[in-house]
Amino acid sequence: MDTNLEHKTSNVELVFWQRALAWALAQPQNDGVVALLNNSNIEYPNDPFPNRLFVGAKRVVGVSDASDGPDAFELLRLAQAERPSHWVGYLGYDLKNQLERLNSRHPNRIGFADAFFAEPRWIIDYHDGAPTLAGEGDTDALLTDLLAFPMPAFLPVDPQQVQCRVTSDAYMTTVRQIQQFIRAGEVYELNYCVEFFAEQARLDPMATYWALNERSPMPFSAFLKLDDHYMMGASPERFLKKTGATLTSQPIKGTIRRGKTADEDAQLRVRLLNSEKERAENLMIVDLVRNDLARSAQTGTVRVDELFGIYSFRQVFQMISTVSATLHPDSSWTDAIRNAFPMGSMTGAPKIRSMELIDELESSRRGLYSGAFGYVTSDNNFDFNVVIRSLLYDARQQYASFSVGSAITYDADPAQEWDECLLKARAIRDLLEGC
């Protein structure tokens, strides 16, 4: 399928969400927790994130360090069983250390906990031109206060000095190492990532988020404030969604830039669709996702609903496939997440050996990057994105970080893989550097 994902947010709705986020960040009762889901009003197969704002934390479930902390998935299941509610939060990539006999050798430079979920005090929605605010207290008065809140003044992002944790030469040397592991039969494909960062970075997280959203509107965009830590996300990818008993995963593998003219754009779309390399990468991850879903699914219900769909975003074309299954009655909703995490599109295949090599070869701890951010409803439905194309920021340390990667296969061209990383980094890097 060739699909153009149109960005249709009205100015009135955009102003509402900008005002609402500013109001939420200013509330003394927000408990240091504010989370915005933003679909940029992009139509997406199986629907994008809802446009929704979560404020405050009546209850919190979290794990600081997965290596020696309690089981994050079980904590979340028990909290939901105790009192069903809505939750918003994330699962960091390094929860892998709870799921398998794995470690993370790099320091946690950005400082996010490995897992965090909050039961919000208030949930704000906007449907058909009408905002709603649900939660504790006088919600009518709170909504009136929100609608009267002054609009923030968004100043341009001050230019930052962005560095990469590895040089292009070192990157290509590592790619060739990975290809040696592939030839030896240890992995078939490995997702290799590099970190870009800025030190002494002084950012206005809210202004930075909206500037990123303008440059790169996405169906799984998100903003998170967690005390002094912020995520400003422009993710195009769904990790896993549950609606009733239906599980849906939509892995992305295959990226190419947009053209400068209509003719070039059409040529690049066809080139991605017909690329044997990109199809092979995508198919390997689809097979991995099928296996992950089968661990929680009723026998015979795992199916590939779409293979090699080409979707156009503002900066890039992406190859996206859709895999679905029916949850087994003996599997809990958290089993479905646990058995598919971390997502195969960010590890490689086979998954465990890929994760071992990732920790050995990459130069940074992934943390929240390549984890999953999303929400859970009171009836145990959920939707999580893949935390990619996202800027992480520690305001106290003034440290900003974003990572990008690509799937390395036996016939990958190291220079082309480096160029793909630069392409994926462009929206955030240009924003930070003032381009």
Protein backbone atom coordinates (compact mmCIF):
# COMPACT_ATOMS: atom_id res chain seq x y z
CA MET A 1 0.00 0.00 0.00
CA ASP A 2 1.18 3.53 -0.83
CA THR A 3 -0.29 5.95 1.69
CA ASN A 4 0.17 9.66 2.24
CA LEU A 5 -0.33 10.44 5.92
CA GLU A 6 -1.75 13.95 5.91
CA HIS A 7 -1.23 16.38 8.77
CA LYS A 8 -4.57 18.17 9.31
CA THR A 9 -4.44 19.82 12.74
CA SER A 10 -6.53 23.01 12.73
CA ASN A 11 -5.05 26.19 14.15
CA VAL A 12 -7.83 26.35 16.76
CA GLU A 13 -7.07 22.85 18.01
CA LEU A 14 -3.31 23.45 17.99
CA VAL A 15 -3.74 26.61 20.06
CA PHE A 16 -5.91 24.68 22.52
CA TRP A 17 -3.26 22.01 23.05
CA GLN A 18 -0.49 24.57 23.37
CA ARG A 19 -2.52 26.42 25.98
CA ALA A 20 -3.48 23.20 27.77
CA LEU A 21 0.11 21.98 27.99
CA ALA A 22 1.26 25.36 29.34
CA TRP A 23 -1.56 25.28 31.91
CA ALA A 24 -0.68 21.74 32.98
CA LEU A 25 3.00 22.57 33.44
CA ALA A 26 2.05 25.55 35.62
CA GLN A 27 -0.21 23.60 38.00
CA PRO A 28 1.25 23.14 41.50
CA GLN A 29 -0.82 19.93 41.80
CA ASN A 30 0.80 18.27 38.79
CA ASP A 31 3.13 16.23 41.06
CA GLY A 32 5.93 16.84 38.56
CA VAL A 33 4.16 14.66 35.97
CA VAL A 34 2.66 15.93 32.70
CA ALA A 35 2.22 13.79 29.58
CA LEU A 36 0.77 14.71 26.20
CA LEU A 37 -0.19 12.28 23.45
CA ASN A 38 -0.40 14.00 20.07
CA ASN A 39 -1.35 12.34 16.79
CA SER A 40 -0.92 15.56 14.75
CA ASN A 41 -4.35 14.59 13.34
CA ILE A 42 -2.64 12.15 11.01
CA GLU A 43 -4.79 9.30 9.76
CA TYR A 44 -3.02 6.02 10.46
CA PRO A 45 -3.97 2.34 10.00
CA ASN A 46 -5.52 1.02 13.23
CA ASP A 47 -5.65 4.66 14.38
CA PRO A 48 -2.86 6.80 15.84
CA PHE A 49 -2.52 7.95 19.44
CA PRO A 50 -5.49 9.94 20.73
CA ASN A 51 -4.91 13.64 21.34
CA ARG A 52 -4.89 13.53 25.13
CA LEU A 53 -3.22 15.28 28.07
CA PHE A 54 -2.53 13.60 31.42
CA VAL A 55 -1.75 15.73 34.48
CA GLY A 56 -0.55 14.70 37.95
CA ALA A 57 0.09 11.41 39.68
CA LYS A 58 -2.33 9.94 42.21
CA ARG A 59 -0.39 6.66 42.12
CA VAL A 60 3.01 5.86 40.70
CA VAL A 61 4.54 2.58 39.55
CA GLY A 62 8.20 2.61 38.66
CA VAL A 63 11.56 0.88 38.60
CA SER A 64 14.72 2.96 38.86
CA ASP A 65 17.17 0.28 37.76
CA ALA A 66 15.96 -2.86 36.03
CA SER A 67 19.10 -4.78 37.00
CA ASP A 68 18.19 -4.95 40.68
CA GLY A 69 14.62 -3.63 40.85
CA PRO A 70 11.25 -5.38 41.16
CA ASP A 71 9.40 -6.76 38.12
CA ALA A 72 8.01 -3.66 36.38
CA PHE A 73 5.34 -5.57 34.44
CA GLU A 74 4.05 -7.31 37.56
CA LEU A 75 3.99 -4.04 39.53
CA LEU A 76 1.83 -2.48 36.83
CA ARG A 77 -0.48 -5.51 36.64
CA LEU A 78 -0.97 -5.56 40.42
CA ALA A 79 -1.64 -1.81 40.63
CA GLN A 80 -4.27 -2.09 37.90
CA ALA A 81 -5.85 -5.14 39.54
CA GLU A 82 -6.03 -3.32 42.88
CA ARG A 83 -7.93 -0.37 41.41
CA PRO A 84 -8.55 -0.27 37.64
CA SER A 85 -7.67 3.13 36.25
CA HIS A 86 -5.97 5.01 33.45
CA TRP A 87 -2.17 5.05 33.37
CA VAL A 88 0.41 6.89 31.30
CA GLY A 89 4.11 6.16 31.19
CA TYR A 90 6.92 4.25 29.61
CA LEU A 91 9.00 1.09 29.55
CA GLY A 92 12.72 1.73 29.04
CA TYR A 93 14.80 -0.47 26.75
CA ASP A 94 16.94 -1.68 29.67
CA LEU A 95 14.01 -3.59 31.13
CA LYS A 96 15.51 -6.28 28.89
CA ASN A 97 17.70 -7.04 31.91
CA GLN A 98 14.60 -8.25 33.79
CA LEU A 99 13.37 -10.35 30.89
CA GLU A 100 16.61 -12.12 29.99
CA ARG A 101 20.04 -12.72 31.53
CA LEU A 102 21.40 -9.43 30.21
CA ASN A 103 23.27 -6.40 31.49
CA SER A 104 23.84 -2.76 30.55
CA ARG A 105 27.49 -1.75 30.78
CA HIS A 106 27.12 1.97 30.03
CA PRO A 107 26.18 4.67 32.58
CA ASN A 108 22.69 6.13 32.65
CA ARG A 109 23.77 9.58 31.48
CA ILE A 110 20.29 11.01 30.93
CA GLY A 111 18.91 9.74 34.25
CA PHE A 112 15.42 8.46 33.38
CA ALA A 113 14.18 5.54 35.49
CA ASP A 114 13.93 2.25 33.60
CA ALA A 115 10.13 2.24 33.95
CA PHE A 116 7.55 4.76 35.12
CA PHE A 117 3.74 4.93 35.10
CA ALA A 118 1.37 7.39 36.75
CA GLU A 119 -2.34 7.33 37.42
CA PRO A 120 -3.24 10.91 36.45
CA ARG A 121 -5.29 13.36 38.47
CA TRP A 122 -6.82 14.84 35.34
CA ILE A 123 -7.29 13.73 31.74
CA ILE A 124 -7.98 16.34 29.08
CA ASP A 125 -9.47 15.51 25.67
CA TYR A 126 -10.63 17.54 22.68
CA HIS A 127 -13.32 16.17 20.36
CA ASP A 128 -15.21 17.94 17.57
CA GLY A 129 -14.09 21.36 18.75
CA ALA A 130 -15.07 20.75 22.38
CA PRO A 131 -12.54 20.24 25.20
CA THR A 132 -13.31 18.03 28.20
CA LEU A 133 -11.52 17.66 31.53
CA ALA A 134 -12.14 14.60 33.71
CA GLY A 135 -10.74 13.79 37.13
CA GLU A 136 -10.77 14.99 40.70
CA GLY A 137 -12.06 18.29 42.08
CA ASP A 138 -14.26 20.88 40.39
CA THR A 139 -13.54 19.92 36.79
CA ASP A 140 -15.77 22.65 35.34
CA ALA A 141 -13.80 25.31 37.20
CA LEU A 142 -10.52 23.73 36.19
CA LEU A 143 -11.53 23.71 32.52
CA THR A 144 -12.60 27.35 32.75
CA ASP A 145 -9.23 28.20 34.28
CA LEU A 146 -7.44 26.28 31.53
CA LEU A 147 -9.33 28.06 28.74
CA ALA A 148 -8.45 31.45 30.26
CA PHE A 149 -4.78 30.60 30.75
CA PRO A 150 -2.46 32.98 28.89
CA MET A 151 -0.93 31.60 25.72
CA PRO A 152 2.80 30.98 26.14
CA ALA A 153 5.30 32.97 24.10
CA PHE A 154 7.41 30.48 22.17
CA LEU A 155 10.90 31.85 21.62
CA PRO A 156 13.21 30.28 19.03
CA VAL A 157 15.34 27.41 20.30
CA ASP A 158 18.79 28.72 21.23
CA PRO A 159 21.43 27.06 19.03
CA GLN A 160 23.22 24.17 20.78
CA GLN A 161 26.47 22.42 19.96
CA VAL A 162 25.45 18.89 18.98
CA GLN A 163 28.04 16.12 19.12
CA CYS A 164 27.93 12.46 18.12
CA ARG A 165 29.21 9.80 20.50
CA VAL A 166 31.03 8.05 17.60
CA THR A 167 32.79 9.28 14.48
CA SER A 168 31.68 8.22 11.02
CA ASP A 169 34.85 6.11 10.66
CA ALA A 170 34.23 4.36 14.00
CA TYR A 171 30.61 3.79 13.02
CA MET A 172 31.57 2.11 9.76
CA THR A 173 34.19 -0.03 11.51
CA THR A 174 31.50 -1.27 13.91
CA VAL A 175 29.13 -2.00 11.02
CA ARG A 176 31.81 -4.22 9.48
CA GLN A 177 32.21 -5.98 12.87
CA ILE A 178 28.47 -6.63 12.92
CA GLN A 179 28.68 -8.09 9.43
CA GLN A 180 31.36 -10.49 10.68
CA PHE A 181 28.94 -11.66 13.38
CA ILE A 182 26.27 -12.10 10.71
CA ARG A 183 28.58 -14.16 8.50
CA ALA A 184 29.43 -16.30 11.53
CA GLY A 185 25.72 -17.03 11.96
CA GLU A 186 25.32 -15.30 15.35
CA VAL A 187 22.63 -12.87 14.13
CA TYR A 188 20.76 -12.27 10.89
CA GLU A 189 20.18 -8.56 11.40
CA LEU A 190 21.16 -6.12 14.14
CA ASN A 191 19.82 -2.66 14.89
CA TYR A 192 22.88 -0.53 15.63
CA CYS A 193 22.30 2.90 17.19
CA VAL A 194 24.41 5.96 17.96
CA GLU A 195 23.82 8.84 20.35
CA PHE A 196 23.88 12.54 19.54
CA PHE A 197 24.09 14.86 22.54
CA ALA A 198 24.48 18.44 23.70
CA GLU A 199 26.07 19.46 27.00
CA GLN A 200 25.26 22.68 28.85
CA ALA A 201 22.05 22.72 26.83
CA ARG A 202 19.52 25.31 27.91
CA LEU A 203 16.19 24.35 26.44
CA ASP A 204 12.60 25.41 26.97
CA PRO A 205 11.12 21.89 26.73
CA MET A 206 7.63 23.04 25.78
CA ALA A 207 8.82 25.42 23.05
CA THR A 208 11.27 22.80 21.80
CA TYR A 209 8.53 20.18 21.61
CA TRP A 210 6.16 22.35 19.59
CA ALA A 211 8.99 23.38 17.26
CA LEU A 212 9.82 19.70 16.69
CA ASN A 213 6.15 18.92 16.13
CA GLU A 214 5.99 21.64 13.48
CA ARG A 215 9.04 20.24 11.67
CA SER A 216 8.09 16.61 12.01
CA PRO A 217 4.40 15.93 12.79
CA MET A 218 3.90 12.28 13.67
CA PRO A 219 1.01 9.94 14.61
CA PHE A 220 2.71 8.88 17.86
CA SER A 221 4.15 12.19 18.98
CA ALA A 222 4.44 12.72 22.74
CA PHE A 223 5.68 15.11 25.42
CA LEU A 224 6.61 13.98 28.92
CA LYS A 225 7.67 15.94 31.97
CA LEU A 226 8.89 13.84 34.87
CA ASP A 227 10.30 16.28 37.42
CA ASP A 228 13.48 17.63 35.76
CA HIS A 229 13.44 15.07 32.96
CA TYR A 230 11.69 15.62 29.64
CA MET A 231 10.92 13.65 26.52
CA MET A 232 10.00 15.51 23.34
CA GLY A 233 9.00 12.80 20.90
CA ALA A 234 8.14 12.61 17.20
CA SER A 235 7.70 8.88 16.78
CA PRO A 236 6.21 7.41 13.60
CA GLU A 237 6.07 3.86 14.98
CA ARG A 238 3.59 1.81 16.99
CA PHE A 239 5.02 -0.88 19.25
CA LEU A 240 1.87 -2.63 20.45
CA LYS A 241 -1.82 -1.87 20.80
CA LYS A 242 -4.55 -3.84 22.55
CA THR A 243 -8.24 -3.29 21.77
CA GLY A 244 -10.42 -5.89 23.45
CA ALA A 245 -8.64 -9.16 22.70
CA THR A 246 -6.94 -7.87 19.53
CA LEU A 247 -3.21 -7.17 19.59
CA THR A 248 -1.65 -5.05 16.84
CA SER A 249 2.02 -4.32 16.17
CA GLN A 250 3.31 -2.17 13.30
CA PRO A 251 7.08 -2.47 12.93
CA ILE A 252 8.98 -0.03 10.74
CA LYS A 253 11.97 -1.20 8.75
CA GLY A 254 12.90 0.71 5.62
CA THR A 255 13.58 4.44 5.34
CA ILE A 256 14.32 6.82 2.48
CA ARG A 257 14.30 10.61 2.29
CA ARG A 258 11.55 12.67 0.67
CA GLY A 259 12.25 14.14 -2.75
CA LYS A 260 12.81 17.81 -3.52
CA THR A 261 10.35 17.66 -6.44
CA ALA A 262 7.17 15.66 -7.06
CA ASP A 263 8.94 13.51 -9.65
CA GLU A 264 11.89 12.76 -7.37
CA ASP A 265 9.47 12.06 -4.50
CA ALA A 266 7.63 9.46 -6.59
CA GLN A 267 10.90 7.86 -7.71
CA LEU A 268 12.18 7.56 -4.14
CA ARG A 269 8.90 6.00 -2.98
CA VAL A 270 9.15 3.34 -5.69
CA ARG A 271 12.84 2.78 -4.90
CA LEU A 272 11.98 2.03 -1.26
CA LEU A 273 9.07 -0.23 -2.21
CA ASN A 274 11.23 -2.27 -4.60
CA SER A 275 14.40 -2.39 -2.48
CA GLU A 276 15.31 -6.04 -1.88
CA LYS A 277 17.46 -5.03 1.09
CA GLU A 278 14.69 -3.06 2.80
CA ARG A 279 12.14 -5.81 2.13
CA ALA A 280 14.49 -8.41 3.60
CA GLU A 281 15.03 -6.29 6.73
CA ASN A 282 11.31 -5.70 7.12
CA LEU A 283 10.41 -9.35 6.60
CA MET A 284 12.91 -10.54 9.22
CA ILE A 285 11.39 -8.21 11.81
CA VAL A 286 7.85 -9.19 10.80
CA ASP A 287 8.76 -12.83 11.46
CA LEU A 288 10.21 -11.83 14.84
CA VAL A 289 7.05 -9.89 15.75
CA ARG A 290 4.87 -12.83 14.71
CA ASN A 291 6.87 -15.02 17.07
CA ASP A 292 6.62 -12.46 19.91
CA LEU A 293 2.84 -12.14 19.56
CA ALA A 294 2.41 -15.92 19.31
CA ARG A 295 3.75 -16.23 22.88
CA SER A 296 0.57 -14.52 24.16
CA ALA A 297 -1.91 -15.36 21.39
CA GLN A 298 -4.56 -17.96 20.74
CA THR A 299 -3.19 -20.63 18.42
CA GLY A 300 -3.65 -19.82 14.76
CA THR A 301 -4.64 -16.17 15.24
CA VAL A 302 -1.34 -14.45 14.38
CA ARG A 303 -1.61 -12.88 10.94
CA VAL A 304 0.17 -10.33 8.76
CA ASP A 305 -2.45 -7.73 7.81
CA GLU A 306 -0.12 -5.65 5.67
CA LEU A 307 3.38 -6.32 4.37
CA PHE A 308 5.74 -3.64 3.01
CA GLY A 309 3.30 -0.72 3.19
CA ILE A 310 4.92 2.56 2.10
CA TYR A 311 3.88 5.59 4.16
CA SER A 312 4.95 9.18 3.60
CA PHE A 313 5.90 11.52 6.42
CA ARG A 314 7.17 15.08 6.14
CA GLN A 315 10.86 14.14 6.26
CA VAL A 316 10.92 10.52 5.06
CA PHE A 317 9.13 7.57 3.49
CA GLN A 318 8.83 4.51 5.76
CA MET A 319 8.15 0.85 5.05
CA ILE A 320 5.62 -0.35 7.63
CA SER A 321 4.06 -3.78 8.13
CA THR A 322 1.12 -4.70 10.36
CA VAL A 323 0.90 -7.89 12.43
CA SER A 324 -2.10 -8.77 14.61
CA ALA A 325 -3.23 -11.57 16.90
CA THR A 326 -5.94 -12.51 19.40
CA LEU A 327 -4.85 -12.55 23.04
CA HIS A 328 -5.09 -15.97 24.69
CA PRO A 329 -7.58 -16.10 27.60
CA ASP A 330 -4.81 -17.40 29.87
CA SER A 331 -2.50 -14.47 29.02
CA SER A 332 -2.83 -11.17 30.86
CA TRP A 333 -2.57 -7.79 29.16
CA THR A 334 0.86 -7.29 30.73
CA ASP A 335 1.95 -10.71 29.42
CA ALA A 336 1.30 -9.42 25.91
CA ILE A 337 3.62 -6.45 26.48
CA ARG A 338 6.26 -8.47 28.33
CA ASN A 339 6.43 -11.17 25.66
CA ALA A 340 6.95 -8.64 22.85
CA PHE A 341 9.38 -6.30 24.64
CA PRO A 342 11.70 -4.84 23.62
CA MET A 343 10.38 -4.51 20.10
CA GLY A 344 12.19 -6.48 17.41
CA SER A 345 12.49 -3.46 15.12
CA MET A 346 14.98 -1.99 17.62
CA THR A 347 16.97 -5.14 18.42
CA GLY A 348 17.47 -7.47 15.49
CA ALA A 349 17.16 -11.21 15.10
CA PRO A 350 17.52 -13.43 16.97
CA LYS A 351 16.57 -11.04 19.72
CA ILE A 352 18.62 -12.18 22.72
CA ARG A 353 21.96 -12.44 20.90
CA SER A 354 21.23 -9.13 19.19
CA MET A 355 20.73 -7.44 22.56
CA GLU A 356 24.00 -8.90 23.86
CA LEU A 357 25.88 -7.52 20.87
CA ILE A 358 24.11 -4.16 21.10
CA ASP A 359 25.40 -3.69 24.63
CA GLU A 360 28.89 -4.76 23.55
CA LEU A 361 29.11 -2.60 20.41
CA GLU A 362 27.12 0.56 21.10
CA SER A 363 28.72 3.49 22.92
CA SER A 364 25.73 4.56 25.05
CA ARG A 365 23.07 3.06 27.26
CA ARG A 366 19.75 3.28 25.44
CA GLY A 367 17.51 3.96 28.43
CA LEU A 368 14.16 5.40 27.38
CA TYR A 369 15.30 5.49 23.74
CA SER A 370 13.99 2.42 21.87
CA GLY A 371 11.67 1.71 24.76
CA ALA A 372 7.91 2.28 24.61
CA PHE A 373 5.74 5.22 25.73
CA GLY A 374 1.97 5.14 25.93
CA TYR A 375 -1.15 4.67 28.00
CA VAL A 376 -3.38 2.02 29.58
CA THR A 377 -7.14 2.38 30.04
CA SER A 378 -9.24 1.22 32.98
CA ASP A 379 -10.43 -1.81 30.97
CA ASN A 380 -6.84 -2.90 30.20
CA ASN A 381 -6.65 -1.67 26.64
CA PHE A 382 -3.38 0.05 25.77
CA ASP A 383 -1.33 1.65 23.04
CA PHE A 384 2.44 2.16 23.05
CA ASN A 385 4.76 3.79 20.56
CA VAL A 386 8.43 3.08 19.93
CA VAL A 387 10.57 5.83 21.45
CA ILE A 388 12.49 6.92 18.37
CA ARG A 389 13.02 10.35 16.75
CA SER A 390 12.76 11.68 20.31
CA LEU A 391 14.79 14.23 22.27
CA LEU A 392 15.52 13.44 25.92
CA TYR A 393 16.53 16.24 28.28
CA ASP A 394 17.79 16.45 31.85
CA ALA A 395 17.15 20.08 32.78
CA ARG A 396 19.17 19.87 35.99
CA GLN A 397 22.31 18.59 34.26
CA GLN A 398 21.51 20.57 31.08
CA TYR A 399 22.14 17.42 29.06
CA ALA A 400 20.18 16.71 25.88
CA SER A 401 20.32 13.41 24.02
CA PHE A 402 18.79 11.75 21.00
CA SER A 403 19.75 8.52 19.29
CA VAL A 404 19.23 7.07 15.84
CA GLY A 405 20.00 3.73 14.25
CA SER A 406 19.50 1.39 11.35
CA ALA A 407 19.26 -2.33 10.70
CA ILE A 408 22.58 -3.85 9.68
CA THR A 409 22.46 -6.88 7.37
CA TYR A 410 25.19 -8.91 5.68
CA ASP A 411 25.02 -6.82 2.49
CA ALA A 412 24.59 -3.40 4.12
CA ASP A 413 26.79 -0.58 2.84
CA PRO A 414 28.37 1.08 5.94
CA ALA A 415 28.43 4.51 4.31
CA GLN A 416 24.76 4.27 3.33
CA GLU A 417 23.83 3.16 6.85
CA TRP A 418 25.65 6.21 8.25
CA ASP A 419 23.75 8.43 5.83
CA GLU A 420 20.48 6.85 7.00
CA CYS A 421 21.38 7.70 10.60
CA LEU A 422 22.06 11.32 9.62
CA LEU A 423 18.73 11.45 7.79
CA LYS A 424 16.84 10.21 10.84
CA ALA A 425 18.73 12.68 13.07
CA ARG A 426 18.12 15.67 10.81
CA ALA A 427 14.86 17.04 12.24
CA ILE A 428 16.10 17.14 15.85
CA ARG A 429 19.68 18.09 14.99
CA ASP A 430 18.63 20.98 12.76
CA LEU A 431 16.24 22.17 15.46
CA LEU A 432 18.93 22.16 18.15
CA GLU A 433 21.56 23.74 15.93
CA GLY A 434 19.23 26.51 14.82
CA CYS A 435 19.09 25.47 11.17
